[in-house]
Amino acid sequence: VTEWLRDEGEAATRLRAYVDGLRPAADQSSPPIMLQLWIDAKGVVTR
C-alpha cells in the first residue's frame, strides 16, 4: 500500500496533493486514512 501511494502516476500524485492539504500544519502528518481491504486467494485487492 505504501508503494502504491508513493507511485509517481497521476492518481497517486493527485491523492498525495489532496491529502497534503488536510494536514493541520505543514510540519505535521495528515490525519490517518483508515483502510479496510479485502484480498482474494490470489493476493489481489478486490474491495
PDB file of all heavy atoms in Angstrom:
ATOM      1  N   VAL A   1       0.843  -1.198   0.000  1.00  0.00           N
ATOM      2  CA  VAL A   1       0.000   0.000   0.000  1.00  0.00           C
ATOM      3  C   VAL A   1       0.877   1.247   0.000  1.00  0.00           C
ATOM      4  O   VAL A   1       0.632   2.196  -0.752  1.00  0.00           O
ATOM      5  CB  VAL A   1      -0.981  -0.015   1.196  1.00  0.00           C
ATOM      6  CG1 VAL A   1      -1.661   1.340   1.370  1.00  0.00           C
ATOM      7  CG2 VAL A   1      -2.020  -1.114   1.012  1.00  0.00           C
ATOM      8  N   THR A   2       1.917   1.235   0.807  1.00  0.00           N
ATOM      9  CA  THR A   2       2.851   2.361   0.832  1.00  0.00           C
ATOM     10  C   THR A   2       3.455   2.579  -0.552  1.00  0.00           C
ATOM     11  O   THR A   2       3.526   3.703  -1.040  1.00  0.00           O
ATOM     12  CB  THR A   2       3.962   2.113   1.873  1.00  0.00           C
ATOM     13  OG1 THR A   2       3.357   1.989   3.163  1.00  0.00           O
ATOM     14  CG2 THR A   2       4.970   3.239   1.891  1.00  0.00           C
ATOM     15  N   GLU A   3       3.861   1.498  -1.196  1.00  0.00           N
ATOM     16  CA  GLU A   3       4.430   1.577  -2.550  1.00  0.00           C
ATOM     17  C   GLU A   3       3.415   2.182  -3.527  1.00  0.00           C
ATOM     18  O   GLU A   3       3.754   3.056  -4.330  1.00  0.00           O
ATOM     19  CB  GLU A   3       4.823   0.167  -2.985  1.00  0.00           C
ATOM     20  CG  GLU A   3       5.469   0.054  -4.334  1.00  0.00           C
ATOM     21  CD  GLU A   3       5.786  -1.398  -4.654  1.00  0.00           C
ATOM     22  OE1 GLU A   3       6.391  -2.090  -3.801  1.00  0.00           O
ATOM     23  OE2 GLU A   3       5.413  -1.836  -5.758  1.00  0.00           O
ATOM     24  N   TRP A   4       2.181   1.709  -3.474  1.00  0.00           N
ATOM     25  CA  TRP A   4       1.154   2.215  -4.393  1.00  0.00           C
ATOM     26  C   TRP A   4       0.886   3.694  -4.158  1.00  0.00           C
ATOM     27  O   TRP A   4       0.686   4.452  -5.102  1.00  0.00           O
ATOM     28  CB  TRP A   4      -0.144   1.429  -4.243  1.00  0.00           C
ATOM     29  CG  TRP A   4      -0.032  -0.025  -4.572  1.00  0.00           C
ATOM     30  CD1 TRP A   4       0.864  -0.616  -5.426  1.00  0.00           C
ATOM     31  CD2 TRP A   4      -0.817  -1.089  -4.036  1.00  0.00           C
ATOM     32  NE1 TRP A   4       0.681  -1.974  -5.451  1.00  0.00           N
ATOM     33  CE2 TRP A   4      -0.345  -2.291  -4.613  1.00  0.00           C
ATOM     34  CE3 TRP A   4      -1.867  -1.141  -3.140  1.00  0.00           C
ATOM     35  CZ2 TRP A   4      -0.911  -3.529  -4.314  1.00  0.00           C
ATOM     36  CZ3 TRP A   4      -2.424  -2.362  -2.844  1.00  0.00           C
ATOM     37  CH2 TRP A   4      -1.943  -3.552  -3.433  1.00  0.00           C
ATOM     38  N   LEU A   5       0.874   4.127  -2.896  1.00  0.00           N
ATOM     39  CA  LEU A   5       0.596   5.528  -2.590  1.00  0.00           C
ATOM     40  C   LEU A   5       1.778   6.438  -2.915  1.00  0.00           C
ATOM     41  O   LEU A   5       1.595   7.636  -3.107  1.00  0.00           O
ATOM     42  CB  LEU A   5       0.190   5.670  -1.123  1.00  0.00           C
ATOM     43  CG  LEU A   5      -1.107   4.960  -0.744  1.00  0.00           C
ATOM     44  CD1 LEU A   5      -1.353   5.068   0.755  1.00  0.00           C
ATOM     45  CD2 LEU A   5      -2.292   5.489  -1.514  1.00  0.00           C
ATOM     46  N   ARG A   6       2.955   5.897  -2.986  1.00  0.00           N
ATOM     47  CA  ARG A   6       4.155   6.676  -3.357  1.00  0.00           C
ATOM     48  C   ARG A   6       4.401   6.693  -4.859  1.00  0.00           C
ATOM     49  O   ARG A   6       5.308   7.361  -5.323  1.00  0.00           O
ATOM     50  CB  ARG A   6       5.384   6.097  -2.657  1.00  0.00           C
ATOM     51  CG  ARG A   6       5.427   6.392  -1.201  1.00  0.00           C
ATOM     52  CD  ARG A   6       6.694   5.847  -0.582  1.00  0.00           C
ATOM     53  NE  ARG A   6       6.768   6.200   0.819  1.00  0.00           N
ATOM     54  CZ  ARG A   6       7.596   5.649   1.675  1.00  0.00           C
ATOM     55  NH1 ARG A   6       8.423   4.718   1.280  1.00  0.00           N
ATOM     56  NH2 ARG A   6       7.602   6.031   2.921  1.00  0.00           N
ATOM     57  N   ASP A   7       3.585   5.966  -5.600  1.00  0.00           N
ATOM     58  CA  ASP A   7       3.740   5.877  -7.049  1.00  0.00           C
ATOM     59  C   ASP A   7       3.782   7.283  -7.667  1.00  0.00           C
ATOM     60  O   ASP A   7       3.206   8.223  -7.114  1.00  0.00           O
ATOM     61  CB  ASP A   7       2.562   5.072  -7.627  1.00  0.00           C
ATOM     62  CG  ASP A   7       2.714   4.812  -9.107  1.00  0.00           C
ATOM     63  OD1 ASP A   7       3.498   3.919  -9.465  1.00  0.00           O
ATOM     64  OD2 ASP A   7       2.055   5.525  -9.894  1.00  0.00           O
ATOM     65  N   GLU A   8       4.444   7.402  -8.800  1.00  0.00           N
ATOM     66  CA  GLU A   8       4.557   8.692  -9.464  1.00  0.00           C
ATOM     67  C   GLU A   8       3.461   8.923 -10.494  1.00  0.00           C
ATOM     68  O   GLU A   8       3.459   9.932 -11.186  1.00  0.00           O
ATOM     69  CB  GLU A   8       5.940   8.825 -10.125  1.00  0.00           C
ATOM     70  CG  GLU A   8       7.080   8.877  -9.121  1.00  0.00           C
ATOM     71  CD  GLU A   8       6.958  10.035  -8.138  1.00  0.00           C
ATOM     72  OE1 GLU A   8       6.567  11.150  -8.544  1.00  0.00           O
ATOM     73  OE2 GLU A   8       7.222   9.816  -6.939  1.00  0.00           O
ATOM     74  N   GLY A   9       2.508   7.994 -10.598  1.00  0.00           N
ATOM     75  CA  GLY A   9       1.407   8.150 -11.541  1.00  0.00           C
ATOM     76  C   GLY A   9       0.478   9.284 -11.145  1.00  0.00           C
ATOM     77  O   GLY A   9       0.540   9.823 -10.038  1.00  0.00           O
ATOM     78  N   GLU A  10      -0.428   9.619 -12.063  1.00  0.00           N
ATOM     79  CA  GLU A  10      -1.329  10.749 -11.853  1.00  0.00           C
ATOM     80  C   GLU A  10      -2.228  10.576 -10.638  1.00  0.00           C
ATOM     81  O   GLU A  10      -2.410  11.509  -9.849  1.00  0.00           O
ATOM     82  CB  GLU A  10      -2.182  10.979 -13.097  1.00  0.00           C
ATOM     83  CG  GLU A  10      -1.403  11.516 -14.277  1.00  0.00           C
ATOM     84  CD  GLU A  10      -2.292  11.732 -15.492  1.00  0.00           C
ATOM     85  OE1 GLU A  10      -3.501  11.969 -15.322  1.00  0.00           O
ATOM     86  OE2 GLU A  10      -1.766  11.658 -16.608  1.00  0.00           O
ATOM     87  N   ALA A  11      -2.831   9.391 -10.475  1.00  0.00           N
ATOM     88  CA  ALA A  11      -3.765   9.184  -9.364  1.00  0.00           C
ATOM     89  C   ALA A  11      -3.059   9.352  -8.023  1.00  0.00           C
ATOM     90  O   ALA A  11      -3.577  10.029  -7.128  1.00  0.00           O
ATOM     91  CB  ALA A  11      -4.421   7.811  -9.457  1.00  0.00           C
ATOM     92  N   ALA A  12      -1.891   8.763  -7.867  1.00  0.00           N
ATOM     93  CA  ALA A  12      -1.164   8.869  -6.595  1.00  0.00           C
ATOM     94  C   ALA A  12      -0.699  10.300  -6.352  1.00  0.00           C
ATOM     95  O   ALA A  12      -0.778  10.800  -5.222  1.00  0.00           O
ATOM     96  CB  ALA A  12       0.020   7.912  -6.581  1.00  0.00           C
ATOM     97  N   THR A  13      -0.253  10.962  -7.380  1.00  0.00           N
ATOM     98  CA  THR A  13       0.206  12.347  -7.242  1.00  0.00           C
ATOM     99  C   THR A  13      -0.947  13.260  -6.828  1.00  0.00           C
ATOM    100  O   THR A  13      -0.810  14.085  -5.920  1.00  0.00           O
ATOM    101  CB  THR A  13       0.843  12.830  -8.554  1.00  0.00           C
ATOM    102  OG1 THR A  13       1.948  11.970  -8.874  1.00  0.00           O
ATOM    103  CG2 THR A  13       1.337  14.256  -8.451  1.00  0.00           C
ATOM    104  N   ARG A  14      -2.105  13.097  -7.485  1.00  0.00           N
ATOM    105  CA  ARG A  14      -3.281  13.902  -7.121  1.00  0.00           C
ATOM    106  C   ARG A  14      -3.723  13.605  -5.692  1.00  0.00           C
ATOM    107  O   ARG A  14      -4.053  14.525  -4.928  1.00  0.00           O
ATOM    108  CB  ARG A  14      -4.443  13.621  -8.077  1.00  0.00           C
ATOM    109  CG  ARG A  14      -4.397  14.350  -9.377  1.00  0.00           C
ATOM    110  CD  ARG A  14      -5.725  14.221 -10.127  1.00  0.00           C
ATOM    111  NE  ARG A  14      -6.209  12.850 -10.213  1.00  0.00           N
ATOM    112  CZ  ARG A  14      -6.016  12.039 -11.256  1.00  0.00           C
ATOM    113  NH1 ARG A  14      -5.343  12.469 -12.307  1.00  0.00           N
ATOM    114  NH2 ARG A  14      -6.501  10.820 -11.249  1.00  0.00           N
ATOM    115  N   LEU A  15      -3.744  12.317  -5.339  1.00  0.00           N
ATOM    116  CA  LEU A  15      -4.177  11.938  -3.994  1.00  0.00           C
ATOM    117  C   LEU A  15      -3.244  12.522  -2.941  1.00  0.00           C
ATOM    118  O   LEU A  15      -3.698  13.070  -1.937  1.00  0.00           O
ATOM    119  CB  LEU A  15      -4.259  10.417  -3.850  1.00  0.00           C
ATOM    120  CG  LEU A  15      -4.729   9.935  -2.479  1.00  0.00           C
ATOM    121  CD1 LEU A  15      -6.165  10.377  -2.194  1.00  0.00           C
ATOM    122  CD2 LEU A  15      -4.600   8.429  -2.370  1.00  0.00           C
ATOM    123  N   ARG A  16      -1.934  12.425  -3.162  1.00  0.00           N
ATOM    124  CA  ARG A  16      -0.987  12.987  -2.186  1.00  0.00           C
ATOM    125  C   ARG A  16      -1.188  14.496  -2.054  1.00  0.00           C
ATOM    126  O   ARG A  16      -1.151  15.034  -0.948  1.00  0.00           O
ATOM    127  CB  ARG A  16       0.452  12.668  -2.582  1.00  0.00           C
ATOM    128  CG  ARG A  16       0.846  11.223  -2.317  1.00  0.00           C
ATOM    129  CD  ARG A  16       2.345  11.021  -2.429  1.00  0.00           C
ATOM    130  NE  ARG A  16       2.918  11.489  -3.671  1.00  0.00           N
ATOM    131  CZ  ARG A  16       3.045  10.768  -4.781  1.00  0.00           C
ATOM    132  NH1 ARG A  16       2.634   9.508  -4.796  1.00  0.00           N
ATOM    133  NH2 ARG A  16       3.592  11.283  -5.857  1.00  0.00           N
ATOM    134  N   ALA A  17      -1.425  15.182  -3.168  1.00  0.00           N
ATOM    135  CA  ALA A  17      -1.639  16.633  -3.112  1.00  0.00           C
ATOM    136  C   ALA A  17      -2.913  16.947  -2.307  1.00  0.00           C
ATOM    137  O   ALA A  17      -2.925  17.870  -1.488  1.00  0.00           O
ATOM    138  CB  ALA A  17      -1.738  17.211  -4.519  1.00  0.00           C
ATOM    139  N   TYR A  18      -3.964  16.177  -2.537  1.00  0.00           N
ATOM    140  CA  TYR A  18      -5.216  16.394  -1.808  1.00  0.00           C
ATOM    141  C   TYR A  18      -5.023  16.131  -0.313  1.00  0.00           C
ATOM    142  O   TYR A  18      -5.392  16.955   0.526  1.00  0.00           O
ATOM    143  CB  TYR A  18      -6.323  15.489  -2.372  1.00  0.00           C
ATOM    144  CG  TYR A  18      -7.616  15.621  -1.623  1.00  0.00           C
ATOM    145  CD1 TYR A  18      -8.482  16.675  -1.871  1.00  0.00           C
ATOM    146  CD2 TYR A  18      -7.954  14.703  -0.633  1.00  0.00           C
ATOM    147  CE1 TYR A  18      -9.668  16.809  -1.160  1.00  0.00           C
ATOM    148  CE2 TYR A  18      -9.144  14.830   0.081  1.00  0.00           C
ATOM    149  CZ  TYR A  18      -9.993  15.882  -0.190  1.00  0.00           C
ATOM    150  OH  TYR A  18     -11.156  16.011   0.530  1.00  0.00           O
ATOM    151  N   VAL A  19      -4.458  14.978   0.024  1.00  0.00           N
ATOM    152  CA  VAL A  19      -4.271  14.618   1.432  1.00  0.00           C
ATOM    153  C   VAL A  19      -3.304  15.578   2.109  1.00  0.00           C
ATOM    154  O   VAL A  19      -3.468  15.917   3.284  1.00  0.00           O
ATOM    155  CB  VAL A  19      -3.816  13.148   1.565  1.00  0.00           C
ATOM    156  CG1 VAL A  19      -3.453  12.801   2.996  1.00  0.00           C
ATOM    157  CG2 VAL A  19      -4.912  12.215   1.063  1.00  0.00           C
ATOM    158  N   ASP A  20      -2.317  16.075   1.379  1.00  0.00           N
ATOM    159  CA  ASP A  20      -1.379  17.053   1.926  1.00  0.00           C
ATOM    160  C   ASP A  20      -2.130  18.291   2.414  1.00  0.00           C
ATOM    161  O   ASP A  20      -1.779  18.877   3.431  1.00  0.00           O
ATOM    162  CB  ASP A  20      -0.345  17.425   0.867  1.00  0.00           C
ATOM    163  CG  ASP A  20       0.794  18.228   1.437  1.00  0.00           C
ATOM    164  OD1 ASP A  20       1.374  17.810   2.459  1.00  0.00           O
ATOM    165  OD2 ASP A  20       1.111  19.291   0.861  1.00  0.00           O
ATOM    166  N   GLY A  21      -3.188  18.654   1.706  1.00  0.00           N
ATOM    167  CA  GLY A  21      -3.984  19.812   2.106  1.00  0.00           C
ATOM    168  C   GLY A  21      -4.815  19.580   3.359  1.00  0.00           C
ATOM    169  O   GLY A  21      -5.382  20.527   3.904  1.00  0.00           O
ATOM    170  N   LEU A  22      -4.903  18.351   3.830  1.00  0.00           N
ATOM    171  CA  LEU A  22      -5.671  18.038   5.038  1.00  0.00           C
ATOM    172  C   LEU A  22      -4.839  18.137   6.309  1.00  0.00           C
ATOM    173  O   LEU A  22      -5.370  17.969   7.411  1.00  0.00           O
ATOM    174  CB  LEU A  22      -6.258  16.618   4.930  1.00  0.00           C
ATOM    175  CG  LEU A  22      -7.174  16.356   3.741  1.00  0.00           C
ATOM    176  CD1 LEU A  22      -7.587  14.885   3.713  1.00  0.00           C
ATOM    177  CD2 LEU A  22      -8.381  17.274   3.773  1.00  0.00           C
ATOM    178  N   ARG A  23      -3.548  18.397   6.178  1.00  0.00           N
ATOM    179  CA  ARG A  23      -2.680  18.486   7.356  1.00  0.00           C
ATOM    180  C   ARG A  23      -3.111  19.624   8.272  1.00  0.00           C
ATOM    181  O   ARG A  23      -3.453  20.694   7.794  1.00  0.00           O
ATOM    182  CB  ARG A  23      -1.253  18.818   6.947  1.00  0.00           C
ATOM    183  CG  ARG A  23      -0.533  17.831   6.190  1.00  0.00           C
ATOM    184  CD  ARG A  23       0.817  18.489   5.784  1.00  0.00           C
ATOM    185  NE  ARG A  23       1.430  17.720   4.751  1.00  0.00           N
ATOM    186  CZ  ARG A  23       2.185  16.659   4.990  1.00  0.00           C
ATOM    187  NH1 ARG A  23       2.432  16.300   6.216  1.00  0.00           N
ATOM    188  NH2 ARG A  23       2.702  15.977   4.010  1.00  0.00           N
ATOM    189  N   PRO A  24      -3.024  19.428   9.578  1.00  0.00           N
ATOM    190  CA  PRO A  24      -3.318  20.528  10.497  1.00  0.00           C
ATOM    191  C   PRO A  24      -2.259  21.630  10.416  1.00  0.00           C
ATOM    192  O   PRO A  24      -2.551  22.786  10.651  1.00  0.00           O
ATOM    193  CB  PRO A  24      -3.335  19.876  11.875  1.00  0.00           C
ATOM    194  CG  PRO A  24      -2.872  18.474  11.697  1.00  0.00           C
ATOM    195  CD  PRO A  24      -2.795  18.170  10.240  1.00  0.00           C
ATOM    196  N   ALA A  25      -1.025  21.268  10.076  1.00  0.00           N
ATOM    197  CA  ALA A  25       0.073  22.226   9.907  1.00  0.00           C
ATOM    198  C   ALA A  25       1.102  21.588   8.972  1.00  0.00           C
ATOM    199  O   ALA A  25       1.165  20.361   8.850  1.00  0.00           O
ATOM    200  CB  ALA A  25       0.716  22.550  11.257  1.00  0.00           C
ATOM    201  N   ALA A  26       1.906  22.410   8.324  1.00  0.00           N
ATOM    202  CA  ALA A  26       2.859  21.921   7.329  1.00  0.00           C
ATOM    203  C   ALA A  26       3.857  20.914   7.894  1.00  0.00           C
ATOM    204  O   ALA A  26       4.331  20.038   7.173  1.00  0.00           O
ATOM    205  CB  ALA A  26       3.614  23.095   6.699  1.00  0.00           C
ATOM    206  N   ASP A  27       4.172  21.011   9.188  1.00  0.00           N
ATOM    207  CA  ASP A  27       5.162  20.119   9.787  1.00  0.00           C
ATOM    208  C   ASP A  27       4.529  18.900  10.466  1.00  0.00           C
ATOM    209  O   ASP A  27       5.203  18.145  11.148  1.00  0.00           O
ATOM    210  CB  ASP A  27       6.034  20.878  10.777  1.00  0.00           C
ATOM    211  CG  ASP A  27       5.248  21.427  11.959  1.00  0.00           C
ATOM    212  OD1 ASP A  27       4.002  21.551  11.856  1.00  0.00           O
ATOM    213  OD2 ASP A  27       5.879  21.755  12.982  1.00  0.00           O
ATOM    214  N   GLN A  28       3.213  18.697  10.271  1.00  0.00           N
ATOM    215  CA  GLN A  28       2.517  17.574  10.898  1.00  0.00           C
ATOM    216  C   GLN A  28       2.020  16.595   9.838  1.00  0.00           C
ATOM    217  O   GLN A  28       1.777  16.972   8.700  1.00  0.00           O
ATOM    218  CB  GLN A  28       1.327  18.073  11.717  1.00  0.00           C
ATOM    219  CG  GLN A  28       1.743  18.902  12.902  1.00  0.00           C
ATOM    220  CD  GLN A  28       0.537  19.381  13.700  1.00  0.00           C
ATOM    221  OE1 GLN A  28      -0.600  19.115  13.353  1.00  0.00           O
ATOM    222  NE2 GLN A  28       0.799  20.092  14.777  1.00  0.00           N
ATOM    223  N   SER A  29       1.892  15.341  10.242  1.00  0.00           N
ATOM    224  CA  SER A  29       1.347  14.327   9.344  1.00  0.00           C
ATOM    225  C   SER A  29      -0.129  14.598   9.093  1.00  0.00           C
ATOM    226  O   SER A  29      -0.802  15.246   9.891  1.00  0.00           O
ATOM    227  CB  SER A  29       1.507  12.932   9.954  1.00  0.00           C
ATOM    228  OG  SER A  29       2.864  12.593  10.056  1.00  0.00           O
ATOM    229  N   SER A  30      -0.594  14.075   7.980  1.00  0.00           N
ATOM    230  CA  SER A  30      -2.023  14.181   7.668  1.00  0.00           C
ATOM    231  C   SER A  30      -2.812  13.297   8.623  1.00  0.00           C
ATOM    232  O   SER A  30      -2.255  12.398   9.250  1.00  0.00           O
ATOM    233  CB  SER A  30      -2.267  13.726   6.229  1.00  0.00           C
ATOM    234  OG  SER A  30      -2.041  12.332   6.125  1.00  0.00           O
ATOM    235  N   PRO A  31      -4.123  13.536   8.725  1.00  0.00           N
ATOM    236  CA  PRO A  31      -4.934  12.604   9.510  1.00  0.00           C
ATOM    237  C   PRO A  31      -4.840  11.215   8.877  1.00  0.00           C
ATOM    238  O   PRO A  31      -4.722  11.084   7.660  1.00  0.00           O
ATOM    239  CB  PRO A  31      -6.355  13.167   9.374  1.00  0.00           C
ATOM    240  CG  PRO A  31      -6.193  14.569   8.898  1.00  0.00           C
ATOM    241  CD  PRO A  31      -4.904  14.618   8.149  1.00  0.00           C
ATOM    242  N   PRO A  32      -4.884  10.156   9.681  1.00  0.00           N
ATOM    243  CA  PRO A  32      -4.788   8.809   9.109  1.00  0.00           C
ATOM    244  C   PRO A  32      -6.018   8.473   8.270  1.00  0.00           C
ATOM    245  O   PRO A  32      -7.126   8.899   8.566  1.00  0.00           O
ATOM    246  CB  PRO A  32      -4.683   7.894  10.325  1.00  0.00           C
ATOM    247  CG  PRO A  32      -5.177   8.692  11.467  1.00  0.00           C
ATOM    248  CD  PRO A  32      -4.986  10.136  11.131  1.00  0.00           C
ATOM    249  N   ILE A  33      -5.783   7.721   7.212  1.00  0.00           N
ATOM    250  CA  ILE A  33      -6.854   7.198   6.373  1.00  0.00           C
ATOM    251  C   ILE A  33      -7.034   5.750   6.795  1.00  0.00           C
ATOM    252  O   ILE A  33      -6.128   4.933   6.621  1.00  0.00           O
ATOM    253  CB  ILE A  33      -6.483   7.273   4.875  1.00  0.00           C
ATOM    254  CG1 ILE A  33      -6.139   8.693   4.474  1.00  0.00           C
ATOM    255  CG2 ILE A  33      -7.620   6.706   4.019  1.00  0.00           C
ATOM    256  CD1 ILE A  33      -5.435   8.782   3.126  1.00  0.00           C
ATOM    257  N   MET A  34      -8.171   5.437   7.364  1.00  0.00           N
ATOM    258  CA  MET A  34      -8.424   4.089   7.838  1.00  0.00           C
ATOM    259  C   MET A  34      -8.932   3.235   6.673  1.00  0.00           C
ATOM    260  O   MET A  34      -9.991   3.511   6.115  1.00  0.00           O
ATOM    261  CB  MET A  34      -9.440   4.111   8.979  1.00  0.00           C
ATOM    262  CG  MET A  34      -9.018   5.004  10.156  1.00  0.00           C
ATOM    263  SD  MET A  34      -7.333   4.725  10.772  1.00  0.00           S
ATOM    264  CE  MET A  34      -7.523   3.109  11.470  1.00  0.00           C
ATOM    265  N   LEU A  35      -8.159   2.242   6.302  1.00  0.00           N
ATOM    266  CA  LEU A  35      -8.478   1.386   5.160  1.00  0.00           C
ATOM    267  C   LEU A  35      -8.968   0.022   5.623  1.00  0.00           C
ATOM    268  O   LEU A  35      -8.444  -0.528   6.600  1.00  0.00           O
ATOM    269  CB  LEU A  35      -7.229   1.165   4.302  1.00  0.00           C
ATOM    270  CG  LEU A  35      -6.539   2.400   3.737  1.00  0.00           C
ATOM    271  CD1 LEU A  35      -5.225   2.002   3.071  1.00  0.00           C
ATOM    272  CD2 LEU A  35      -7.457   3.107   2.754  1.00  0.00           C
ATOM    273  N   GLN A  36      -9.922  -0.511   4.905  1.00  0.00           N
ATOM    274  CA  GLN A  36     -10.347  -1.894   5.063  1.00  0.00           C
ATOM    275  C   GLN A  36     -10.164  -2.531   3.690  1.00  0.00           C
ATOM    276  O   GLN A  36     -10.736  -2.054   2.708  1.00  0.00           O
ATOM    277  CB  GLN A  36     -11.811  -1.986   5.479  1.00  0.00           C
ATOM    278  CG  GLN A  36     -12.068  -1.427   6.857  1.00  0.00           C
ATOM    279  CD  GLN A  36     -13.523  -1.572   7.208  1.00  0.00           C
ATOM    280  OE1 GLN A  36     -14.006  -2.685   7.379  1.00  0.00           O
ATOM    281  NE2 GLN A  36     -14.228  -0.460   7.322  1.00  0.00           N
ATOM    282  N   LEU A  37      -9.345  -3.565   3.619  1.00  0.00           N
ATOM    283  CA  LEU A  37      -9.026  -4.197   2.339  1.00  0.00           C
ATOM    284  C   LEU A  37      -9.451  -5.656   2.333  1.00  0.00           C
ATOM    285  O   LEU A  37      -9.145  -6.399   3.259  1.00  0.00           O
ATOM    286  CB  LEU A  37      -7.523  -4.110   2.064  1.00  0.00           C
ATOM    287  CG  LEU A  37      -6.909  -2.714   2.067  1.00  0.00           C
ATOM    288  CD1 LEU A  37      -5.401  -2.805   1.885  1.00  0.00           C
ATOM    289  CD2 LEU A  37      -7.545  -1.836   1.004  1.00  0.00           C
ATOM    290  N   TRP A  38     -10.131  -6.046   1.267  1.00  0.00           N
ATOM    291  CA  TRP A  38     -10.467  -7.437   1.029  1.00  0.00           C
ATOM    292  C   TRP A  38      -9.516  -7.934  -0.044  1.00  0.00           C
ATOM    293  O   TRP A  38      -9.379  -7.306  -1.107  1.00  0.00           O
ATOM    294  CB  TRP A  38     -11.916  -7.573   0.558  1.00  0.00           C
ATOM    295  CG  TRP A  38     -12.913  -7.415   1.654  1.00  0.00           C
ATOM    296  CD1 TRP A  38     -13.546  -8.432   2.312  1.00  0.00           C
ATOM    297  CD2 TRP A  38     -13.426  -6.202   2.213  1.00  0.00           C
ATOM    298  NE1 TRP A  38     -14.423  -7.913   3.247  1.00  0.00           N
ATOM    299  CE2 TRP A  38     -14.361  -6.549   3.206  1.00  0.00           C
ATOM    300  CE3 TRP A  38     -13.179  -4.844   1.969  1.00  0.00           C
ATOM    301  CZ2 TRP A  38     -15.044  -5.601   3.952  1.00  0.00           C
ATOM    302  CZ3 TRP A  38     -13.862  -3.902   2.715  1.00  0.00           C
ATOM    303  CH2 TRP A  38     -14.782  -4.278   3.690  1.00  0.00           C
ATOM    304  N   ILE A  39      -8.854  -9.036   0.222  1.00  0.00           N
ATOM    305  CA  ILE A  39      -7.825  -9.571  -0.667  1.00  0.00           C
ATOM    306  C   ILE A  39      -8.206 -11.002  -1.012  1.00  0.00           C
ATOM    307  O   ILE A  39      -8.473 -11.804  -0.118  1.00  0.00           O
ATOM    308  CB  ILE A  39      -6.441  -9.505   0.013  1.00  0.00           C
ATOM    309  CG1 ILE A  39      -6.152  -8.044   0.420  1.00  0.00           C
ATOM    310  CG2 ILE A  39      -5.357 -10.051  -0.899  1.00  0.00           C
ATOM    311  CD1 ILE A  39      -5.019  -7.882   1.397  1.00  0.00           C
ATOM    312  N   ASP A  40      -8.234 -11.315  -2.313  1.00  0.00           N
ATOM    313  CA  ASP A  40      -8.670 -12.653  -2.716  1.00  0.00           C
ATOM    314  C   ASP A  40      -7.560 -13.682  -2.546  1.00  0.00           C
ATOM    315  O   ASP A  40      -6.432 -13.354  -2.145  1.00  0.00           O
ATOM    316  CB  ASP A  40      -9.249 -12.647  -4.133  1.00  0.00           C
ATOM    317  CG  ASP A  40      -8.226 -12.414  -5.234  1.00  0.00           C
ATOM    318  OD1 ASP A  40      -6.991 -12.487  -4.998  1.00  0.00           O
ATOM    319  OD2 ASP A  40      -8.660 -12.156  -6.372  1.00  0.00           O
ATOM    320  N   ALA A  41      -7.870 -14.927  -2.848  1.00  0.00           N
ATOM    321  CA  ALA A  41      -6.936 -16.037  -2.659  1.00  0.00           C
ATOM    322  C   ALA A  41      -5.694 -15.914  -3.530  1.00  0.00           C
ATOM    323  O   ALA A  41      -4.686 -16.572  -3.269  1.00  0.00           O
ATOM    324  CB  ALA A  41      -7.635 -17.364  -2.939  1.00  0.00           C
ATOM    325  N   LYS A  42      -5.738 -15.066  -4.549  1.00  0.00           N
ATOM    326  CA  LYS A  42      -4.573 -14.845  -5.416  1.00  0.00           C
ATOM    327  C   LYS A  42      -3.731 -13.663  -4.952  1.00  0.00           C
ATOM    328  O   LYS A  42      -2.736 -13.323  -5.583  1.00  0.00           O
ATOM    329  CB  LYS A  42      -5.031 -14.625  -6.851  1.00  0.00           C
ATOM    330  CG  LYS A  42      -5.714 -15.841  -7.442  1.00  0.00           C
ATOM    331  CD  LYS A  42      -6.192 -15.558  -8.845  1.00  0.00           C
ATOM    332  CE  LYS A  42      -6.933 -16.770  -9.387  1.00  0.00           C
ATOM    333  NZ  LYS A  42      -7.525 -16.498 -10.693  1.00  0.00           N
ATOM    334  N   GLY A  43      -4.144 -13.007  -3.862  1.00  0.00           N
ATOM    335  CA  GLY A  43      -3.383 -11.877  -3.343  1.00  0.00           C
ATOM    336  C   GLY A  43      -3.696 -10.564  -4.037  1.00  0.00           C
ATOM    337  O   GLY A  43      -2.864  -9.652  -4.045  1.00  0.00           O
ATOM    338  N   VAL A  44      -4.909 -10.423  -4.587  1.00  0.00           N
ATOM    339  CA  VAL A  44      -5.303  -9.200  -5.285  1.00  0.00           C
ATOM    340  C   VAL A  44      -6.378  -8.488  -4.458  1.00  0.00           C
ATOM    341  O   VAL A  44      -7.336  -9.119  -3.993  1.00  0.00           O
ATOM    342  CB  VAL A  44      -5.837  -9.518  -6.703  1.00  0.00           C
ATOM    343  CG1 VAL A  44      -6.372  -8.278  -7.392  1.00  0.00           C
ATOM    344  CG2 VAL A  44      -4.742 -10.168  -7.540  1.00  0.00           C
ATOM    345  N   VAL A  45      -6.224  -7.193  -4.283  1.00  0.00           N
ATOM    346  CA  VAL A  45      -7.223  -6.402  -3.559  1.00  0.00           C
ATOM    347  C   VAL A  45      -8.475  -6.320  -4.431  1.00  0.00           C
ATOM    348  O   VAL A  45      -8.427  -5.821  -5.554  1.00  0.00           O
ATOM    349  CB  VAL A  45      -6.697  -4.986  -3.234  1.00  0.00           C
ATOM    350  CG1 VAL A  45      -7.780  -4.158  -2.545  1.00  0.00           C
ATOM    351  CG2 VAL A  45      -5.446  -5.055  -2.374  1.00  0.00           C
ATOM    352  N   THR A  46      -9.583  -6.839  -3.909  1.00  0.00           N
ATOM    353  CA  THR A  46     -10.833  -6.858  -4.667  1.00  0.00           C
ATOM    354  C   THR A  46     -11.825  -5.809  -4.192  1.00  0.00           C
ATOM    355  O   THR A  46     -12.764  -5.477  -4.911  1.00  0.00           O
ATOM    356  CB  THR A  46     -11.505  -8.240  -4.577  1.00  0.00           C
ATOM    357  OG1 THR A  46     -11.756  -8.532  -3.199  1.00  0.00           O
ATOM    358  CG2 THR A  46     -10.628  -9.315  -5.203  1.00  0.00           C
ATOM    359  N   ARG A  47     -11.610  -5.304  -2.993  1.00  0.00           N
ATOM    360  CA  ARG A  47     -12.532  -4.320  -2.439  1.00  0.00           C
ATOM    361  C   ARG A  47     -11.767  -3.491  -1.425  1.00  0.00           C
ATOM    362  O   ARG A  47     -10.914  -4.006  -0.695  1.00  0.00           O
ATOM    363  CB  ARG A  47     -13.692  -5.050  -1.771  1.00  0.00           C
ATOM    364  CG  ARG A  47     -14.735  -4.175  -1.142  1.00  0.00           C
ATOM    365  CD  ARG A  47     -15.870  -5.049  -0.619  1.00  0.00           C
ATOM    366  NE  ARG A  47     -16.662  -4.318   0.358  1.00  0.00           N
ATOM    367  CZ  ARG A  47     -17.487  -4.887   1.205  1.00  0.00           C
ATOM    368  NH1 ARG A  47     -17.651  -6.202   1.211  1.00  0.00           N
ATOM    369  NH2 ARG A  47     -18.172  -4.169   2.047  1.00  0.00           N
TER     370      ARG A  47
END
